[in-house]
N, C-alpha and C. Protein backbone atom coordinates (compact mmCIF):
# COMPACT_ATOMS: atom_id res chain seq x y z
N MET A 1 -5.35 158.92 179.35
CA MET A 1 -4.38 158.65 178.31
C MET A 1 -4.98 157.57 177.40
N ASN A 2 -4.89 157.75 176.09
CA ASN A 2 -5.48 156.79 175.18
C ASN A 2 -4.50 155.65 174.86
N ILE A 3 -4.96 154.66 174.17
CA ILE A 3 -4.18 153.47 173.85
C ILE A 3 -2.94 153.84 173.02
N LYS A 4 -3.10 154.73 172.06
CA LYS A 4 -1.97 155.11 171.21
C LYS A 4 -0.88 155.77 172.05
N ALA A 5 -1.24 156.64 172.95
CA ALA A 5 -0.26 157.30 173.81
C ALA A 5 0.43 156.29 174.73
N LEU A 6 -0.31 155.31 175.24
CA LEU A 6 0.28 154.25 176.08
C LEU A 6 1.27 153.41 175.31
N LEU A 7 0.91 153.07 174.07
CA LEU A 7 1.82 152.27 173.24
C LEU A 7 3.11 153.04 172.94
N ILE A 8 2.99 154.29 172.62
CA ILE A 8 4.17 155.12 172.33
C ILE A 8 5.04 155.23 173.57
N ALA A 9 4.44 155.47 174.73
CA ALA A 9 5.20 155.58 175.98
C ALA A 9 5.89 154.25 176.30
N GLY A 10 5.19 153.15 176.09
CA GLY A 10 5.77 151.83 176.35
C GLY A 10 6.93 151.52 175.43
N LEU A 11 6.78 151.85 174.15
CA LEU A 11 7.88 151.62 173.21
C LEU A 11 9.08 152.50 173.52
N ALA A 12 8.83 153.72 173.95
CA ALA A 12 9.93 154.62 174.33
C ALA A 12 10.69 154.06 175.53
N ALA A 13 9.96 153.57 176.52
CA ALA A 13 10.61 152.99 177.71
C ALA A 13 11.40 151.74 177.34
N LEU A 14 10.84 150.92 176.46
CA LEU A 14 11.54 149.72 176.01
C LEU A 14 12.81 150.07 175.25
N SER A 15 12.76 151.07 174.41
CA SER A 15 13.93 151.51 173.66
C SER A 15 15.01 152.03 174.59
N LEU A 16 14.62 152.80 175.59
CA LEU A 16 15.60 153.32 176.54
C LEU A 16 16.25 152.21 177.35
N SER A 17 15.47 151.21 177.77
CA SER A 17 16.04 150.13 178.57
C SER A 17 17.02 149.30 177.74
N ALA A 18 16.83 149.21 176.45
CA ALA A 18 17.76 148.48 175.60
C ALA A 18 19.09 149.20 175.45
N CYS A 19 19.09 150.51 175.68
CA CYS A 19 20.32 151.30 175.57
C CYS A 19 21.13 151.32 176.85
N VAL A 20 20.55 150.88 177.95
CA VAL A 20 21.26 150.91 179.23
C VAL A 20 22.32 149.82 179.24
N ASP A 21 23.55 150.18 179.63
CA ASP A 21 24.65 149.23 179.73
C ASP A 21 24.57 148.53 181.07
N ASP A 22 24.23 147.26 181.06
CA ASP A 22 24.17 146.49 182.30
C ASP A 22 25.52 145.85 182.54
N SER A 23 26.44 146.61 183.13
CA SER A 23 27.79 146.11 183.35
C SER A 23 27.88 145.18 184.54
N SER A 24 26.77 144.96 185.25
CA SER A 24 26.81 144.05 186.39
C SER A 24 27.12 142.63 185.96
N SER A 25 26.88 142.28 184.71
CA SER A 25 27.19 140.94 184.24
C SER A 25 28.57 140.87 183.59
N SER A 26 29.25 141.98 183.47
CA SER A 26 30.58 142.02 182.88
C SER A 26 31.61 141.49 183.85
N SER A 27 32.62 140.78 183.34
CA SER A 27 33.68 140.25 184.21
C SER A 27 34.49 141.36 184.85
N SER A 28 34.43 142.58 184.29
CA SER A 28 35.18 143.68 184.89
C SER A 28 34.54 144.18 186.17
N SER A 29 33.30 143.77 186.45
CA SER A 29 32.63 144.21 187.66
C SER A 29 32.79 143.20 188.80
N TYR A 30 33.42 142.06 188.55
CA TYR A 30 33.62 141.06 189.58
C TYR A 30 34.70 141.49 190.56
N ASN A 31 34.56 141.02 191.80
CA ASN A 31 35.60 141.20 192.80
C ASN A 31 36.67 140.16 192.49
N LYS A 32 37.86 140.61 192.16
CA LYS A 32 38.95 139.70 191.80
C LYS A 32 40.01 139.62 192.89
N HIS A 33 39.58 139.87 194.13
CA HIS A 33 40.47 139.74 195.28
C HIS A 33 40.48 138.28 195.72
N VAL A 34 41.67 137.72 195.86
CA VAL A 34 41.83 136.33 196.24
C VAL A 34 42.78 136.27 197.43
N THR A 35 42.41 135.48 198.44
CA THR A 35 43.32 135.23 199.55
C THR A 35 44.15 134.00 199.20
N LEU A 36 45.46 134.20 199.13
CA LEU A 36 46.40 133.12 198.85
C LEU A 36 46.89 132.58 200.19
N VAL A 37 46.62 131.29 200.43
CA VAL A 37 46.99 130.64 201.68
C VAL A 37 48.11 129.65 201.40
N ASN A 38 49.20 129.73 202.16
CA ASN A 38 50.32 128.82 201.98
C ASN A 38 50.27 127.73 203.06
N ASN A 39 49.86 126.52 202.66
CA ASN A 39 49.85 125.36 203.55
C ASN A 39 50.81 124.29 203.03
N SER A 40 51.87 124.72 202.36
CA SER A 40 52.78 123.78 201.70
C SER A 40 53.86 123.21 202.61
N GLY A 41 54.09 123.84 203.76
CA GLY A 41 55.21 123.43 204.60
C GLY A 41 56.52 124.08 204.18
N LYS A 42 56.47 124.90 203.14
CA LYS A 42 57.65 125.62 202.64
C LYS A 42 57.33 127.10 202.53
N THR A 43 58.36 127.93 202.48
CA THR A 43 58.17 129.36 202.28
C THR A 43 58.14 129.68 200.80
N VAL A 44 57.13 130.43 200.38
CA VAL A 44 57.03 130.87 198.98
C VAL A 44 57.91 132.11 198.82
N ARG A 45 58.85 132.05 197.89
CA ARG A 45 59.77 133.15 197.61
C ARG A 45 59.22 134.07 196.52
N GLU A 46 58.53 133.48 195.54
CA GLU A 46 57.98 134.24 194.41
C GLU A 46 56.59 133.69 194.10
N PHE A 47 55.70 134.59 193.67
CA PHE A 47 54.37 134.16 193.25
C PHE A 47 53.97 134.95 192.02
N TYR A 48 53.51 134.22 191.00
CA TYR A 48 53.13 134.83 189.73
C TYR A 48 51.68 134.48 189.40
N GLY A 49 50.99 135.43 188.80
CA GLY A 49 49.65 135.21 188.30
C GLY A 49 49.52 135.88 186.95
N SER A 50 49.27 135.09 185.92
CA SER A 50 49.14 135.62 184.56
C SER A 50 47.84 135.14 183.95
N ASN A 51 47.32 135.91 182.99
CA ASN A 51 46.12 135.49 182.28
C ASN A 51 46.32 134.07 181.76
N ALA A 52 45.32 133.22 181.95
CA ALA A 52 45.42 131.83 181.51
C ALA A 52 45.80 131.76 180.04
N GLY A 53 46.75 130.92 179.73
CA GLY A 53 47.20 130.74 178.36
C GLY A 53 48.25 131.73 177.91
N SER A 54 48.65 132.65 178.78
CA SER A 54 49.69 133.62 178.42
C SER A 54 51.02 132.90 178.20
N ASP A 55 51.84 133.44 177.33
CA ASP A 55 53.13 132.83 177.03
C ASP A 55 54.21 133.15 178.07
N SER A 56 53.94 134.10 178.95
CA SER A 56 54.96 134.48 179.93
C SER A 56 54.31 134.81 181.27
N TRP A 57 55.09 134.73 182.32
CA TRP A 57 54.62 135.11 183.65
C TRP A 57 54.80 136.60 183.83
N GLU A 58 53.86 137.21 184.51
CA GLU A 58 53.98 138.63 184.84
C GLU A 58 55.01 138.78 185.95
N GLU A 59 55.11 139.99 186.52
CA GLU A 59 56.09 140.22 187.59
C GLU A 59 55.72 139.45 188.85
N ASP A 60 56.73 139.22 189.68
CA ASP A 60 56.56 138.54 190.96
C ASP A 60 55.66 139.38 191.85
N ILE A 61 54.50 138.87 192.19
CA ILE A 61 53.51 139.62 192.98
C ILE A 61 54.02 139.91 194.39
N LEU A 62 54.81 138.99 194.95
CA LEU A 62 55.32 139.19 196.31
C LEU A 62 56.44 140.23 196.38
N GLY A 63 57.08 140.48 195.26
CA GLY A 63 58.19 141.45 195.25
C GLY A 63 59.31 140.97 196.16
N SER A 64 59.71 141.80 197.12
CA SER A 64 60.79 141.42 198.03
C SER A 64 60.27 140.65 199.25
N ASP A 65 58.94 140.46 199.35
CA ASP A 65 58.36 139.72 200.48
C ASP A 65 58.38 138.22 200.20
N THR A 66 58.17 137.45 201.27
CA THR A 66 57.97 136.01 201.15
C THR A 66 56.66 135.66 201.84
N LEU A 67 56.20 134.43 201.60
CA LEU A 67 54.97 133.96 202.22
C LEU A 67 55.27 132.66 202.96
N PRO A 68 55.55 132.75 204.27
CA PRO A 68 55.87 131.54 205.04
C PRO A 68 54.68 130.58 205.08
N SER A 69 54.98 129.31 205.29
CA SER A 69 53.92 128.32 205.43
C SER A 69 53.04 128.70 206.63
N GLY A 70 51.74 128.54 206.46
CA GLY A 70 50.79 128.91 207.50
C GLY A 70 50.33 130.35 207.41
N SER A 71 50.86 131.11 206.46
CA SER A 71 50.49 132.52 206.28
C SER A 71 49.60 132.69 205.05
N SER A 72 49.01 133.86 204.96
CA SER A 72 48.18 134.18 203.80
C SER A 72 48.39 135.63 203.39
N VAL A 73 48.00 135.94 202.17
CA VAL A 73 48.08 137.31 201.66
C VAL A 73 46.89 137.52 200.72
N ASP A 74 46.34 138.72 200.74
CA ASP A 74 45.25 139.08 199.83
C ASP A 74 45.84 139.71 198.57
N ILE A 75 45.39 139.23 197.42
CA ILE A 75 45.91 139.72 196.14
C ILE A 75 44.73 140.17 195.28
N ASN A 76 44.87 141.33 194.65
CA ASN A 76 43.85 141.85 193.73
C ASN A 76 44.32 141.55 192.30
N PHE A 77 43.58 140.71 191.59
CA PHE A 77 43.94 140.34 190.23
C PHE A 77 43.26 141.20 189.17
N GLU A 78 42.67 142.31 189.56
CA GLU A 78 42.07 143.22 188.59
C GLU A 78 43.20 143.90 187.82
N ASP A 79 43.35 143.51 186.56
CA ASP A 79 44.41 144.06 185.73
C ASP A 79 43.88 144.90 184.56
N GLY A 80 42.56 145.13 184.56
CA GLY A 80 41.96 145.93 183.50
C GLY A 80 41.66 145.15 182.23
N SER A 81 42.04 143.88 182.18
CA SER A 81 41.83 143.09 180.97
C SER A 81 40.43 142.49 180.87
N GLY A 82 39.74 142.37 182.00
CA GLY A 82 38.44 141.72 182.01
C GLY A 82 38.52 140.21 182.15
N TYR A 83 39.73 139.64 182.12
CA TYR A 83 39.90 138.20 182.26
C TYR A 83 39.63 137.75 183.68
N CYS A 84 39.05 136.57 183.80
CA CYS A 84 38.81 135.95 185.11
C CYS A 84 39.74 134.76 185.34
N ASN A 85 40.18 134.10 184.29
CA ASN A 85 40.99 132.89 184.44
C ASN A 85 42.48 133.21 184.42
N PHE A 86 43.15 132.78 185.48
CA PHE A 86 44.57 133.04 185.65
C PHE A 86 45.31 131.73 185.91
N ASP A 87 46.57 131.70 185.50
CA ASP A 87 47.49 130.62 185.85
C ASP A 87 48.37 131.15 186.98
N PHE A 88 48.63 130.31 187.97
CA PHE A 88 49.45 130.70 189.12
C PHE A 88 50.72 129.86 189.16
N LYS A 89 51.80 130.49 189.62
CA LYS A 89 53.06 129.78 189.83
C LYS A 89 53.65 130.25 191.15
N ALA A 90 53.97 129.29 192.02
CA ALA A 90 54.63 129.58 193.29
C ALA A 90 56.03 128.98 193.24
N VAL A 91 57.02 129.79 193.59
CA VAL A 91 58.41 129.33 193.65
C VAL A 91 58.82 129.38 195.12
N PHE A 92 59.33 128.25 195.61
CA PHE A 92 59.70 128.14 197.01
C PHE A 92 61.17 128.50 197.23
N THR A 93 61.53 128.74 198.47
CA THR A 93 62.92 129.13 198.80
C THR A 93 63.91 128.02 198.48
N ASP A 94 63.46 126.77 198.39
CA ASP A 94 64.37 125.67 198.04
C ASP A 94 64.55 125.53 196.54
N GLY A 95 63.90 126.40 195.74
CA GLY A 95 64.04 126.38 194.29
C GLY A 95 62.96 125.59 193.57
N SER A 96 62.20 124.78 194.28
CA SER A 96 61.12 124.03 193.63
C SER A 96 59.95 124.97 193.34
N SER A 97 59.04 124.52 192.49
CA SER A 97 57.88 125.36 192.15
C SER A 97 56.69 124.48 191.81
N ILE A 98 55.51 125.08 191.89
CA ILE A 98 54.28 124.43 191.46
C ILE A 98 53.47 125.43 190.65
N THR A 99 52.64 124.92 189.75
CA THR A 99 51.74 125.77 188.98
C THR A 99 50.32 125.22 189.08
N GLU A 100 49.38 126.12 189.02
CA GLU A 100 47.96 125.79 188.94
C GLU A 100 47.41 126.59 187.77
N ASN A 101 46.73 125.92 186.87
CA ASN A 101 46.22 126.58 185.67
C ASN A 101 44.72 126.78 185.72
N GLY A 102 44.27 127.89 185.12
CA GLY A 102 42.84 128.14 184.93
C GLY A 102 42.06 128.43 186.19
N ILE A 103 42.65 129.16 187.13
CA ILE A 103 41.93 129.54 188.35
C ILE A 103 41.01 130.72 188.02
N ASP A 104 39.73 130.58 188.32
CA ASP A 104 38.74 131.63 188.05
C ASP A 104 38.70 132.59 189.24
N VAL A 105 39.42 133.72 189.13
CA VAL A 105 39.50 134.68 190.23
C VAL A 105 38.21 135.48 190.40
N CYS A 106 37.27 135.35 189.47
CA CYS A 106 35.98 136.02 189.61
C CYS A 106 35.05 135.24 190.52
N SER A 107 35.30 133.95 190.67
CA SER A 107 34.43 133.12 191.52
C SER A 107 35.16 132.51 192.71
N GLU A 108 36.47 132.42 192.67
CA GLU A 108 37.25 131.88 193.79
C GLU A 108 37.73 133.02 194.67
N SER A 109 37.47 132.92 195.96
CA SER A 109 37.93 133.97 196.88
C SER A 109 39.15 133.51 197.67
N GLN A 110 39.49 132.21 197.58
CA GLN A 110 40.65 131.71 198.30
C GLN A 110 41.32 130.61 197.48
N VAL A 111 42.64 130.65 197.42
CA VAL A 111 43.43 129.61 196.76
C VAL A 111 44.46 129.16 197.77
N THR A 112 44.58 127.84 197.93
CA THR A 112 45.52 127.29 198.91
C THR A 112 46.65 126.56 198.21
N ILE A 113 47.88 126.89 198.58
CA ILE A 113 49.05 126.20 198.08
C ILE A 113 49.32 125.04 199.04
N GLU A 114 49.32 123.82 198.50
CA GLU A 114 49.57 122.64 199.35
C GLU A 114 50.66 121.79 198.76
């Protein structure tokens, strides 16, 4: 194979590699499963997770379930948006609540309520 043919083959390979979608670096390819651990001493009645900076809370993730102190639950935050940063709100059976803002569910695999 001569130099000209090698250059053409090399340029073709380089052009093709530039067209490949490397979605491995996309936030949509991250594992967004988080284990929520309740170490608060109270039972969580409601739990919300919304995209960071959202004006409203999404639906109660626990639904009709509760999360007693000392228990945990696995939650998948893959919502199709590609966002990694979420705000969390836990509402306890006594009516009190706490919020945590800007949790990166793409890099955090466990969040503890204390």
